[in-house]
């Protein structure tokens, strides 16, 4: 016996959970939504891998989306505002400085630990009476026909048959759904790892975020609560492994050498981990009855911290298309799904282009290249219009996210 839904979301990480919450209004009007997650969905102990101890820089538009969904108040107490951003390159003049006050906003974004975000998203999901959650569960088979999507779902005690007009693959950069459906995820290996940890200095961060480009790779410092920074340091794989093996005091010394003393003296280093850097792009974002979303559609280089913010804007645009067409028997039609892609393609191209192009541009060797980069940053820094456009992109105030009213 099949269980029928209108929309099935595969993957309950940050993107899948957010999409389910964005469909709350449509669910109140009868939209039947199911969420399939391989790990146990619980508000007490979050096991979903994307809700780890790393931190995410939420753009202003992402914060506003969470606020309208009602989950931001419980996140806000543990989030840190980004009120200033500085972009620079190591050992070279020229920098870009952005200030929230110049855009007449309280903050340009917020930094929040993924684990905290996950707890709040899971709590909100479990409060949705009309959302059907299957967890722990995995999809063992997909069948897409002209009538819709049929999924075989395996749980510890049973195997279920689910069907829907639309299935959303939000199951990560290594998407099992994409593999089973033959959707190619093109990968570009940056041949680098990102070393991440929390670090504190003896001087207050005053809500500054720093993005520094070096010939080895970009380094980001994002302000956190309790006067901490989230450090994301991109470097060659072997160097990352060497740095992981250092004692805390030796690593602090290497970090101090790289940064100088403008931010103060390094006081404390948290647990260090690293992960490989790849650009992942699905060659098809939509098919009849199928959408690829989040990291399954595009997993980005962490420079500028736009990966999840773009995914959340995509989720918002998809939810709006579903709400506009609901009730309709053709939620999985290519016309609807192509409208979704058309609404997001410019935002996606700009965001992916910046995330991919900036690290490459700033590792071009030679005094001439370095001088051109410095002059370009200096010119942008004194151009009010250029800074305004750059700021709006950084804050995610583009596309559907700039006009959404729930």
Protein backbone atom coordinates (compact mmCIF):
# COMPACT_ATOMS: atom_id res chain seq x y z
CA UNK A 1 0.00 0.00 0.00
CA UNK A 2 1.44 3.33 -1.09
CA UNK A 3 1.44 6.47 1.01
CA UNK A 4 0.74 9.52 -1.13
CA UNK A 5 2.17 13.01 -0.71
CA UNK A 6 2.45 16.12 -2.80
CA UNK A 7 6.08 16.86 -1.95
CA UNK A 8 8.77 14.54 -0.55
CA UNK A 9 11.99 16.14 0.76
CA UNK A 10 14.95 13.75 0.88
CA UNK A 11 17.44 15.03 3.45
CA UNK A 12 16.77 16.77 6.75
CA UNK A 13 19.90 18.91 6.99
CA UNK A 14 19.87 22.70 7.01
CA UNK A 15 18.43 23.06 3.50
CA UNK A 16 15.83 20.26 3.67
CA UNK A 17 14.62 21.31 7.11
CA UNK A 18 14.37 24.95 6.01
CA UNK A 19 12.34 24.03 2.92
CA UNK A 20 9.88 22.06 5.06
CA UNK A 21 9.39 25.11 7.29
CA UNK A 22 9.00 27.37 4.26
CA UNK A 23 6.09 25.17 3.12
CA UNK A 24 4.22 25.59 6.42
CA UNK A 25 1.61 27.95 4.95
CA UNK A 26 0.88 25.61 2.04
CA UNK A 27 0.67 22.66 4.44
CA UNK A 28 -1.98 24.54 6.41
CA UNK A 29 -3.94 24.69 3.13
CA UNK A 30 -3.69 20.96 2.54
CA UNK A 31 -0.26 20.43 0.94
CA UNK A 32 0.99 16.98 1.98
CA UNK A 33 4.72 17.01 2.72
CA UNK A 34 7.04 14.20 3.84
CA UNK A 35 10.64 14.50 5.05
CA UNK A 36 13.03 11.54 4.82
CA UNK A 37 16.19 11.66 6.94
CA UNK A 38 18.82 8.96 7.45
CA UNK A 39 19.44 10.01 11.06
CA UNK A 40 17.01 10.22 13.96
CA UNK A 41 15.13 13.54 13.98
CA UNK A 42 15.20 14.82 17.54
CA UNK A 43 15.34 18.24 19.17
CA UNK A 44 17.42 16.88 22.05
CA UNK A 45 20.41 15.24 20.39
CA UNK A 46 21.02 16.23 16.79
CA UNK A 47 22.88 13.51 14.88
CA UNK A 48 22.49 14.96 11.36
CA UNK A 49 26.06 15.48 10.03
CA UNK A 50 25.46 19.00 8.74
CA UNK A 51 24.60 20.10 12.28
CA UNK A 52 28.18 19.71 13.54
CA UNK A 53 30.39 22.02 15.61
CA UNK A 54 31.31 24.22 12.67
CA UNK A 55 29.74 27.66 12.33
CA UNK A 56 27.78 29.28 9.53
CA UNK A 57 27.78 32.93 8.56
CA UNK A 58 24.12 33.70 7.94
CA UNK A 59 23.53 36.62 5.61
CA UNK A 60 21.03 39.28 6.59
CA UNK A 61 18.47 37.80 4.20
CA UNK A 62 18.89 34.35 5.80
CA UNK A 63 18.36 35.85 9.25
CA UNK A 64 15.21 37.59 8.02
CA UNK A 65 13.90 34.35 6.53
CA UNK A 66 14.46 32.54 9.84
CA UNK A 67 12.80 35.42 11.68
CA UNK A 68 9.69 35.18 9.50
CA UNK A 69 9.61 31.42 10.05
CA UNK A 70 9.61 32.01 13.80
CA UNK A 71 12.86 30.17 14.56
CA UNK A 72 15.19 33.15 14.87
CA UNK A 73 14.25 34.32 18.41
CA UNK A 74 15.64 31.12 19.93
CA UNK A 75 18.74 31.27 17.72
CA UNK A 76 19.44 34.96 18.31
CA UNK A 77 20.70 34.63 21.88
CA UNK A 78 23.56 32.43 20.68
CA UNK A 79 24.29 34.26 17.42
CA UNK A 80 26.83 37.03 16.93
CA UNK A 81 26.18 40.00 14.65
CA UNK A 82 28.56 40.91 11.84
CA UNK A 83 28.60 44.70 11.79
CA UNK A 84 31.83 45.27 9.86
CA UNK A 85 33.62 43.33 7.13
CA UNK A 86 37.19 43.81 5.92
CA UNK A 87 38.59 42.14 2.80
CA UNK A 88 42.35 42.37 2.23
CA UNK A 89 45.31 40.54 0.74
CA UNK A 90 48.41 39.60 2.69
CA UNK A 91 51.42 41.92 2.49
CA UNK A 92 49.79 44.31 0.06
CA UNK A 93 48.00 47.63 0.28
CA UNK A 94 44.34 47.96 -0.65
CA UNK A 95 41.33 46.75 1.26
CA UNK A 96 37.56 46.83 1.20
CA UNK A 97 35.65 47.80 4.33
CA UNK A 98 31.89 47.39 4.64
CA UNK A 99 29.76 48.62 7.55
CA UNK A 100 26.21 47.72 8.49
CA UNK A 101 25.49 51.35 9.36
CA UNK A 102 26.29 52.41 5.79
CA UNK A 103 23.46 50.13 4.59
CA UNK A 104 21.20 51.32 7.41
CA UNK A 105 20.86 47.84 8.91
CA UNK A 106 21.59 46.49 12.36
CA UNK A 107 23.95 43.80 11.05
CA UNK A 108 25.17 42.50 7.70
CA UNK A 109 24.79 38.96 8.94
CA UNK A 110 25.16 36.69 11.94
CA UNK A 111 27.45 33.81 12.91
CA UNK A 112 25.84 30.78 14.51
CA UNK A 113 27.10 27.30 15.34
CA UNK A 114 25.52 24.64 13.13
CA UNK A 115 24.66 22.47 16.12
CA UNK A 116 22.55 25.24 17.66
CA UNK A 117 20.87 25.97 14.34
CA UNK A 118 20.10 22.27 13.94
CA UNK A 119 18.48 21.99 17.35
CA UNK A 120 16.15 24.88 16.62
CA UNK A 121 15.25 23.66 13.13
CA UNK A 122 14.53 20.15 14.39
CA UNK A 123 12.38 21.51 17.25
CA UNK A 124 10.38 23.59 14.76
CA UNK A 125 9.92 20.63 12.40
CA UNK A 126 8.63 18.40 15.17
CA UNK A 127 5.97 21.00 15.96
CA UNK A 128 4.47 20.80 12.47
CA UNK A 129 1.46 18.48 12.84
CA UNK A 130 0.94 18.12 9.09
CA UNK A 131 4.55 17.18 8.26
CA UNK A 132 5.23 13.44 7.97
CA UNK A 133 8.77 12.62 9.11
CA UNK A 134 10.40 9.29 8.26
CA UNK A 135 13.57 8.83 10.32
CA UNK A 136 15.86 7.06 10.50
CA UNK A 137 15.14 6.08 6.92
CA UNK A 138 16.84 5.91 3.56
CA UNK A 139 15.59 5.78 -0.01
CA UNK A 140 16.63 2.47 -1.58
CA UNK A 141 15.03 3.07 -4.99
CA UNK A 142 13.56 5.90 -7.08
CA UNK A 143 11.13 5.52 -9.96
CA UNK A 144 10.18 8.64 -11.90
CA UNK A 145 7.30 8.30 -14.37
CA UNK A 146 4.96 10.70 -16.13
CA UNK A 147 2.62 10.28 -13.15
CA UNK A 148 5.13 11.36 -10.50
CA UNK A 149 7.87 10.03 -8.25
CA UNK A 150 7.75 6.71 -6.42
CA UNK A 151 10.22 5.95 -3.64
CA UNK A 152 11.05 2.79 -1.79
CA UNK A 153 11.98 3.81 1.75
CA UNK A 154 13.76 1.49 4.16
CA UNK A 155 13.35 1.88 7.91
CA UNK A 156 14.75 -0.40 10.64
CA UNK A 157 11.48 -2.33 11.01
CA UNK A 158 9.79 -1.91 7.63
CA UNK A 159 10.02 -0.94 3.97
CA UNK A 160 7.56 1.66 2.70
CA UNK A 161 6.33 2.77 -0.71
CA UNK A 162 5.87 6.53 -1.00
CA UNK A 163 4.78 8.55 -3.99
CA UNK A 164 4.52 12.27 -4.71
CA UNK A 165 4.19 14.79 -7.50
CA UNK A 166 7.55 16.30 -6.54
CA UNK A 167 10.67 14.89 -4.88
CA UNK A 168 13.33 17.32 -3.64
CA UNK A 169 16.87 15.94 -3.35
CA UNK A 170 18.49 17.83 -0.46
CA UNK A 171 20.80 15.02 0.57
CA UNK A 172 24.15 16.76 0.31
CA UNK A 173 27.17 17.16 -1.94
CA UNK A 174 27.56 13.39 -2.21
CA UNK A 175 23.91 12.90 -3.12
CA UNK A 176 22.77 9.27 -3.21
CA UNK A 177 19.59 10.46 -4.91
CA UNK A 178 21.55 12.05 -7.74
CA UNK A 179 23.58 8.86 -8.21
CA UNK A 180 20.49 6.68 -8.33
CA UNK A 181 18.75 8.96 -10.82
CA UNK A 182 21.83 9.45 -13.00
CA UNK A 183 22.09 13.18 -12.31
CA UNK A 184 25.77 14.05 -12.71
CA UNK A 185 27.37 16.14 -9.99
CA UNK A 186 30.37 17.78 -11.62
CA UNK A 187 33.26 18.28 -9.19
CA UNK A 188 36.21 20.66 -9.17
CA UNK A 189 38.84 19.71 -6.59
CA UNK A 190 40.61 22.80 -5.26
CA UNK A 191 43.44 20.55 -4.01
CA UNK A 192 43.10 22.23 -0.62
CA UNK A 193 41.59 21.59 2.78
CA UNK A 194 39.86 24.06 5.05
CA UNK A 195 41.21 23.96 8.58
CA UNK A 196 38.52 25.20 10.97
CA UNK A 197 38.48 25.94 14.68
CA UNK A 198 37.42 28.58 17.17
CA UNK A 199 40.02 31.06 18.35
CA UNK A 200 40.04 33.97 20.80
CA UNK A 201 42.34 36.97 21.14
CA UNK A 202 43.05 39.27 24.06
CA UNK A 203 41.33 42.16 22.25
CA UNK A 204 37.57 42.43 21.64
CA UNK A 205 36.47 41.58 18.09
CA UNK A 206 33.87 44.39 18.05
CA UNK A 207 31.76 42.44 15.53
CA UNK A 208 34.35 42.57 12.76
CA UNK A 209 34.60 39.80 10.16
CA UNK A 210 37.84 39.45 8.21
CA UNK A 211 38.52 37.83 4.85
CA UNK A 212 42.21 37.73 4.04
CA UNK A 213 43.64 36.38 0.80
CA UNK A 214 47.08 34.81 0.83
CA UNK A 215 49.04 33.02 -1.88
CA UNK A 216 48.31 29.75 -0.05
CA UNK A 217 44.55 30.38 0.06
CA UNK A 218 41.95 32.56 1.77
CA UNK A 219 41.54 32.88 5.52
CA UNK A 220 38.32 33.99 7.21
CA UNK A 221 37.74 35.07 10.80
CA UNK A 222 34.06 35.35 11.75
CA UNK A 223 32.97 36.94 15.05
CA UNK A 224 31.22 34.67 17.53
CA UNK A 225 29.72 35.01 20.98
CA UNK A 226 32.03 35.14 24.04
CA UNK A 227 34.61 37.12 22.05
CA UNK A 228 35.54 34.14 19.86
CA UNK A 229 36.20 33.94 16.15
CA UNK A 230 35.39 31.05 13.84
CA UNK A 231 38.56 30.50 11.82
CA UNK A 232 38.41 29.03 8.31
CA UNK A 233 41.94 28.69 6.93
CA UNK A 234 42.31 27.25 3.43
CA UNK A 235 45.65 25.65 2.58
CA UNK A 236 47.33 22.76 0.82
CA UNK A 237 46.21 19.37 2.10
CA UNK A 238 49.57 18.34 3.54
CA UNK A 239 49.99 21.68 5.28
CA UNK A 240 46.54 21.28 6.84
CA UNK A 241 47.49 17.85 8.16
CA UNK A 242 50.75 19.26 9.53
CA UNK A 243 48.88 22.07 11.27
CA UNK A 244 46.40 19.62 12.76
CA UNK A 245 49.30 17.69 14.27
CA UNK A 246 50.77 20.77 16.00
CA UNK A 247 50.23 21.43 19.67
CA UNK A 248 47.79 24.23 20.49
CA UNK A 249 50.64 26.57 21.44
CA UNK A 250 52.58 25.86 18.23
CA UNK A 251 49.48 26.31 16.09
CA UNK A 252 48.69 29.57 17.90
CA UNK A 253 52.19 30.76 17.04
CA UNK A 254 51.73 29.93 13.34
CA UNK A 255 48.39 31.72 13.32
CA UNK A 256 49.88 34.76 15.05
CA UNK A 257 52.65 34.91 12.45
CA UNK A 258 50.10 34.81 9.64
CA UNK A 259 47.90 37.53 11.14
CA UNK A 260 50.31 39.81 12.92
CA UNK A 261 49.08 41.56 16.06
CA UNK A 262 46.36 43.87 14.74
CA UNK A 263 43.65 41.64 16.20
CA UNK A 264 45.51 41.13 19.47
CA UNK A 265 47.43 38.20 20.87
CA UNK A 266 46.05 34.70 20.38
CA UNK A 267 44.79 33.43 23.72
CA UNK A 268 42.93 30.20 23.09
CA UNK A 269 42.56 27.65 20.29
CA UNK A 270 39.58 25.30 20.08
CA UNK A 271 39.45 21.83 18.57
CA UNK A 272 40.81 21.78 15.02
CA UNK A 273 39.35 19.79 12.14
CA UNK A 274 39.76 19.94 8.38
CA UNK A 275 37.68 19.04 5.35
CA UNK A 276 38.43 18.94 1.61
CA UNK A 277 37.42 21.80 -0.64
CA UNK A 278 35.44 21.09 -3.79
CA UNK A 279 33.03 22.92 -6.03
CA UNK A 280 30.10 20.58 -6.72
CA UNK A 281 27.46 21.44 -9.31
CA UNK A 282 24.58 19.24 -10.43
CA UNK A 283 24.33 19.23 -14.21
CA UNK A 284 20.53 19.16 -13.90
CA UNK A 285 18.77 21.12 -11.17
CA UNK A 286 15.34 20.02 -12.32
CA UNK A 287 13.65 17.19 -14.13
CA UNK A 288 9.98 16.35 -14.35
CA UNK A 289 8.95 15.67 -10.74
CA UNK A 290 12.51 16.23 -9.40
CA UNK A 291 14.42 19.20 -7.94
CA UNK A 292 18.03 19.12 -6.74
CA UNK A 293 18.56 21.58 -3.87
CA UNK A 294 21.26 22.78 -1.47
CA UNK A 295 24.73 21.20 -1.55
CA UNK A 296 23.39 18.51 -3.86
CA UNK A 297 22.83 21.28 -6.43
CA UNK A 298 25.85 23.43 -5.64
CA UNK A 299 28.40 23.03 -2.84
CA UNK A 300 30.70 26.06 -2.82
CA UNK A 301 34.15 27.10 -1.71
CA UNK A 302 33.79 28.63 1.77
CA UNK A 303 35.24 31.99 0.72
CA UNK A 304 32.59 34.65 1.43
CA UNK A 305 30.51 32.05 3.29
CA UNK A 306 27.66 31.99 0.77
CA UNK A 307 26.93 28.26 0.37
CA UNK A 308 24.03 27.85 2.77
CA UNK A 309 22.75 31.37 2.16
CA UNK A 310 22.36 30.62 -1.55
CA UNK A 311 20.71 27.29 -0.72
CA UNK A 312 18.23 29.03 1.57
CA UNK A 313 17.36 31.58 -1.12
CA UNK A 314 16.84 28.70 -3.55
CA UNK A 315 14.57 26.96 -1.03
CA UNK A 316 12.56 30.15 -0.61
CA UNK A 317 12.15 30.55 -4.39
CA UNK A 318 11.04 26.92 -4.75
CA UNK A 319 8.57 27.24 -1.87
CA UNK A 320 7.10 30.37 -3.47
CA UNK A 321 6.59 28.57 -6.79
CA UNK A 322 4.85 25.68 -5.00
CA UNK A 323 2.60 28.02 -3.03
CA UNK A 324 1.63 29.94 -6.17
CA UNK A 325 0.58 26.76 -7.99
CA UNK A 326 -1.04 25.01 -5.04
CA UNK A 327 -3.56 23.41 -5.22
CA UNK A 328 -2.67 21.85 -8.53
CA UNK A 329 -2.04 18.28 -9.67
CA UNK A 330 1.09 19.35 -11.55
CA UNK A 331 3.56 20.41 -8.86
CA UNK A 332 6.21 18.35 -10.60
CA UNK A 333 5.67 19.83 -14.04
CA UNK A 334 8.71 21.12 -15.90
CA UNK A 335 7.00 24.48 -16.46
CA UNK A 336 6.78 25.10 -12.72
CA UNK A 337 10.27 23.82 -12.04
CA UNK A 338 11.79 25.79 -14.91
CA UNK A 339 10.15 28.92 -13.51
CA UNK A 340 11.93 28.21 -10.23
CA UNK A 341 15.31 27.86 -11.96
CA UNK A 342 14.71 30.99 -14.03
CA UNK A 343 14.00 32.98 -10.86
CA UNK A 344 17.30 31.86 -9.28
CA UNK A 345 19.76 31.46 -12.12
CA UNK A 346 21.21 34.97 -11.92
CA UNK A 347 21.70 34.79 -8.16
CA UNK A 348 23.26 31.34 -8.52
CA UNK A 349 25.63 32.39 -11.31
CA UNK A 350 26.85 35.48 -9.46
CA UNK A 351 27.29 33.71 -6.13
CA UNK A 352 28.99 30.63 -7.60
CA UNK A 353 31.16 32.83 -9.83
CA UNK A 354 32.39 34.91 -6.89
CA UNK A 355 32.99 31.90 -4.64
CA UNK A 356 34.94 30.10 -7.37
CA UNK A 357 36.67 33.07 -8.96
CA UNK A 358 37.98 34.97 -5.95
CA UNK A 359 40.32 32.25 -4.59
CA UNK A 360 41.70 31.71 -8.08
CA UNK A 361 42.19 35.41 -8.73
CA UNK A 362 44.02 35.99 -5.46
CA UNK A 363 46.49 33.13 -5.98
CA UNK A 364 47.76 34.42 -9.34
CA UNK A 365 51.45 35.02 -8.72
CA UNK A 366 53.42 38.04 -9.84
CA UNK A 367 53.87 41.63 -8.72
CA UNK A 368 51.65 42.89 -11.53
CA UNK A 369 48.72 40.69 -10.49
CA UNK A 370 49.15 41.68 -6.86
CA UNK A 371 49.19 45.37 -7.78
CA UNK A 372 46.09 45.04 -9.93
CA UNK A 373 44.23 43.32 -7.08
CA UNK A 374 45.27 46.05 -4.67
CA UNK A 375 44.21 48.81 -7.04
CA UNK A 376 40.90 47.07 -7.70
CA UNK A 377 40.09 46.78 -4.00
CA UNK A 378 41.08 50.39 -3.37
CA UNK A 379 38.86 51.56 -6.24
CA UNK A 380 35.89 49.54 -4.98
CA UNK A 381 36.41 50.82 -1.44
CA UNK A 382 35.98 54.47 -2.52
CA UNK A 383 33.03 53.85 -4.85
CA UNK A 384 29.71 54.18 -2.96
CA UNK A 385 27.72 52.50 -5.74
CA UNK A 386 30.11 49.56 -6.08
CA UNK A 387 30.20 49.09 -2.30
CA UNK A 388 26.39 49.20 -2.17
CA UNK A 389 26.05 46.48 -4.81
CA UNK A 390 28.79 44.40 -3.18
CA UNK A 391 27.13 44.80 0.23
CA UNK A 392 23.69 43.79 -1.02
CA UNK A 393 25.11 40.63 -2.57
CA UNK A 394 26.99 39.84 0.65
CA UNK A 395 23.80 40.38 2.67
CA UNK A 396 21.80 38.19 0.28
CA UNK A 397 19.36 40.97 -0.53
CA UNK A 398 18.81 39.71 -4.06
CA UNK A 399 16.10 37.87 -5.95
CA UNK A 400 13.22 36.31 -4.07
CA UNK A 401 14.84 36.96 -0.67
CA UNK A 402 14.67 40.73 -1.17
CA UNK A 403 10.92 40.88 -1.68
CA UNK A 404 9.51 37.95 0.29
CA UNK A 405 6.56 38.54 2.58
CA UNK A 406 5.20 35.34 4.22
